[in-house]
Each structure stands twice: as structure tokens, then as C-alpha cells.
Protein backbone atom coordinates (compact mmCIF):
# COMPACT_ATOMS: atom_id res chain seq x y z
CA TYR A 1 0.00 0.00 0.00
CA THR A 2 1.28 3.45 -0.91
CA ALA A 3 -0.52 6.51 0.38
CA PRO A 4 -0.83 9.38 -2.12
CA ASP A 5 1.41 11.66 0.00
CA ASP A 6 4.18 9.01 0.20
CA ILE A 7 5.54 10.02 -3.21
CA SER A 8 7.13 13.30 -4.23
CA ASN A 9 8.63 14.66 -7.42
CA LEU A 10 10.18 17.62 -5.61
CA GLU A 11 13.92 18.27 -5.67
CA ASN A 12 14.08 18.33 -1.82
CA PRO A 13 11.10 16.29 -0.59
CA SER A 14 10.07 16.03 3.05
CA PHE A 15 7.55 13.91 4.88
CA ALA A 16 6.01 14.22 8.36
CA TYR A 17 5.53 10.95 10.21
CA ALA A 18 2.45 10.47 12.36
CA ASP A 19 4.10 8.23 14.96
CA ASP A 20 6.78 9.65 17.23
CA THR A 21 8.40 6.25 17.83
CA MET A 22 8.69 3.85 14.92
CA GLN A 23 11.01 2.45 12.26
CA TYR A 24 10.40 3.10 8.59
CA ASN A 25 12.03 1.73 5.44
CA ILE A 26 12.53 4.72 3.19
CA ARG A 27 13.06 4.16 -0.53
CA PHE A 28 14.64 6.89 -2.58
CA THR A 29 14.30 6.45 -6.35
CA VAL A 30 15.90 8.72 -8.91
CA VAL A 31 15.07 8.80 -12.61
CA SER A 32 17.41 10.76 -14.87
CA ASP A 33 16.27 12.79 -17.86
CA LYS A 34 17.50 9.85 -20.03
CA GLY A 35 15.28 7.34 -18.19
CA CYS A 36 18.02 5.73 -16.05
CA VAL A 37 16.65 4.55 -12.71
CA ASP A 38 18.50 4.02 -9.44
CA ASP A 39 17.23 3.60 -5.91
CA THR A 40 18.34 2.99 -2.34
CA VAL A 41 16.53 1.87 0.80
CA LYS A 42 17.40 3.02 4.30
CA ASN A 43 15.84 2.11 7.63
CA ILE A 44 15.02 5.27 9.59
CA LYS A 45 14.33 5.14 13.32
CA ILE A 46 12.08 7.90 14.67
CA GLY A 47 12.32 8.23 18.45
CA PRO A 48 10.88 10.56 21.04
CA ASP A 49 12.91 13.58 21.99
CA ILE A 50 15.15 13.34 25.02
CA THR A 51 15.57 16.50 27.04
CA VAL A 52 18.18 17.01 29.76
CA PHE A 53 18.76 20.35 31.49
CA ILE A 54 21.56 20.62 34.05
CA PRO A 55 21.84 24.01 35.78
CA THR A 56 25.20 25.77 35.92
CA ALA A 57 24.73 27.06 39.50
CA PHE A 58 22.65 26.62 42.64
CA SER A 59 22.58 28.10 46.16
CA PRO A 60 21.77 25.55 48.87
CA ASP A 61 21.93 28.09 51.71
CA GLY A 62 18.40 29.38 51.15
CA ALA A 63 19.60 32.86 50.12
CA GLY A 64 18.07 32.60 46.67
CA PRO A 65 14.75 31.21 45.44
CA ASN A 66 13.72 27.91 47.07
CA SER A 67 13.95 26.22 43.67
CA ASN A 68 17.73 26.85 43.79
CA ASN A 69 18.29 25.11 47.15
CA ASN A 70 19.10 21.80 45.42
CA LEU A 71 20.76 20.93 42.14
CA LEU A 72 17.61 20.07 40.16
CA VAL A 73 18.29 18.26 36.89
CA VAL A 74 15.30 18.21 34.54
CA ALA A 75 15.14 15.14 32.28
CA GLN A 76 12.38 13.84 30.01
CA GLY A 77 12.21 10.98 27.52
CA TYR A 78 14.58 8.63 29.33
CA ILE A 79 14.51 5.08 30.71
CA ASP A 80 17.69 5.26 32.79
CA TYR A 81 19.52 8.14 34.45
CA ASN A 82 22.72 8.44 36.47
CA LEU A 83 24.32 11.66 37.74
CA LYS A 84 27.59 11.91 39.65
CA ILE A 85 29.10 15.00 41.30
CA PHE A 86 32.85 15.24 41.98
CA ASN A 87 35.08 17.74 43.76
CA ARG A 88 38.26 19.13 42.21
CA TRP A 89 40.28 16.14 43.44
CA GLY A 90 37.97 13.65 41.72
CA GLU A 91 36.27 12.48 44.91
CA LYS A 92 32.66 11.47 44.30
CA LEU A 93 30.42 13.57 46.53
CA PHE A 94 26.98 12.59 45.26
CA GLU A 95 25.23 10.12 42.97
CA SER A 96 21.63 10.05 41.77
CA LYS A 97 19.57 7.53 39.82
CA HIS A 98 16.47 9.75 39.67
CA PRO A 99 16.52 13.50 38.88
CA VAL A 100 13.44 14.49 40.90
CA ASP A 101 13.68 12.26 43.98
CA GLU A 102 17.45 12.47 44.44
CA GLN A 103 18.73 16.06 44.19
CA TRP A 104 22.09 17.22 45.48
CA ASP A 105 21.69 19.56 48.45
CA GLY A 106 25.34 20.70 48.51
CA THR A 107 26.42 18.33 51.27
CA TYR A 108 28.85 15.44 51.52
CA GLN A 109 28.42 12.88 54.30
CA GLY A 110 25.91 15.21 55.96
CA GLU A 111 28.20 18.26 56.02
CA PRO A 112 27.92 21.34 53.75
CA VAL A 113 30.64 21.51 51.11
CA GLN A 114 32.50 24.72 50.34
CA GLN A 115 31.31 27.31 47.87
CA GLY A 116 33.01 26.54 44.59
CA VAL A 117 32.92 24.74 41.27
CA TYR A 118 32.10 21.02 41.08
CA VAL A 119 32.22 18.60 38.17
CA TYR A 120 29.21 16.57 37.05
CA TYR A 121 28.99 13.55 34.80
CA ALA A 122 25.61 12.24 33.68
CA GLU A 123 24.56 9.28 31.56
CA VAL A 124 21.00 9.11 30.28
CA ILE A 125 19.50 6.32 28.19
CA ALA A 126 16.66 7.38 25.89
CA PHE A 127 13.56 5.31 25.16
CA ASP A 128 15.21 3.98 22.00
CA GLY A 129 18.21 2.66 23.99
CA GLU A 130 20.58 5.42 22.83
CA LEU A 131 23.13 6.48 25.50
CA TYR A 132 23.70 10.21 25.99
CA LYS A 133 26.63 11.49 28.05
CA TYR A 134 26.81 14.93 29.63
CA SER A 135 29.65 16.49 31.61
CA GLY A 136 30.49 19.94 32.85
CA THR A 137 30.67 22.08 35.93
CA VAL A 138 28.16 23.45 38.40
CA THR A 139 28.87 26.34 40.74
CA LEU A 140 27.69 26.05 44.33
CA ILE A 141 27.07 29.51 45.79
CA ARG A 142 26.80 30.08 49.56
């Protein structure tokens, strides 16, 4: 079955897919002005968007807005999540498997850490099984 909008004679065709998660076999056929025909088939995987937002600073002392008291990572479209926070000497201070329920409050072993810059490393697996890696720094302000 071929739907009428599956075929295009445009130089740069495009097609919008109804499903946000699916695999499609796409056939591209070219016919020259002399009648020569060539085609190729490629499997295209359409997956849902993954969104990860990691703030660059937070203030766990309550001086700023309450939403800044913890390092709140916002992630959507994932099946697995892991965040690690390290100090400048590479010592792991915090680890989280869930962005909402496990937020860093700026402490290590129950004690507040110093104001400064800390390194994060996050791995997030999307619904399609694709692994995304994020790393950078976050500034803790007291």
C-alpha cells in the first residue's frame, strides 16, 4: 500500500511521520532525464525527543529562590539516568539515579561543602536505547 502523500517529485522532498516512535524503510528512487533509474533503501528510526537540562549554578543556603536550594536536573524521555558530582580532586560527593527524587543539596556525608565549582557527569538512556553522556561544571554559591 502506498498513500498518495508518500511520493514526491520535488527536488528536496520532506515527509512528516504520524508516529513519534517507529522504524520506517525509506526508498529513494531517482530517474534521470534519459530514463536511467537508481534507488536505495534506508531504515530510519524515529524516536521521542530526550531532554536534559543541568543548571550551571545553585545556592543551597536558602539565600536565593527555594527552587535553587538543590541541584535540580530536569530530564524527560529517558529510561535510565545516572548523575555523579565530583570535587576538584575527583572524589565522588553525590550520585543520583532519579533526577526528581534524588537532588544534590550541597552536602557530603551530611556536612555542607564549600562554595566553589564542582564537576558533574551524567549518563542518560533514551527510550530507543541510545546512550547520551553529559559532563560539565556546576557552581555552588553560599
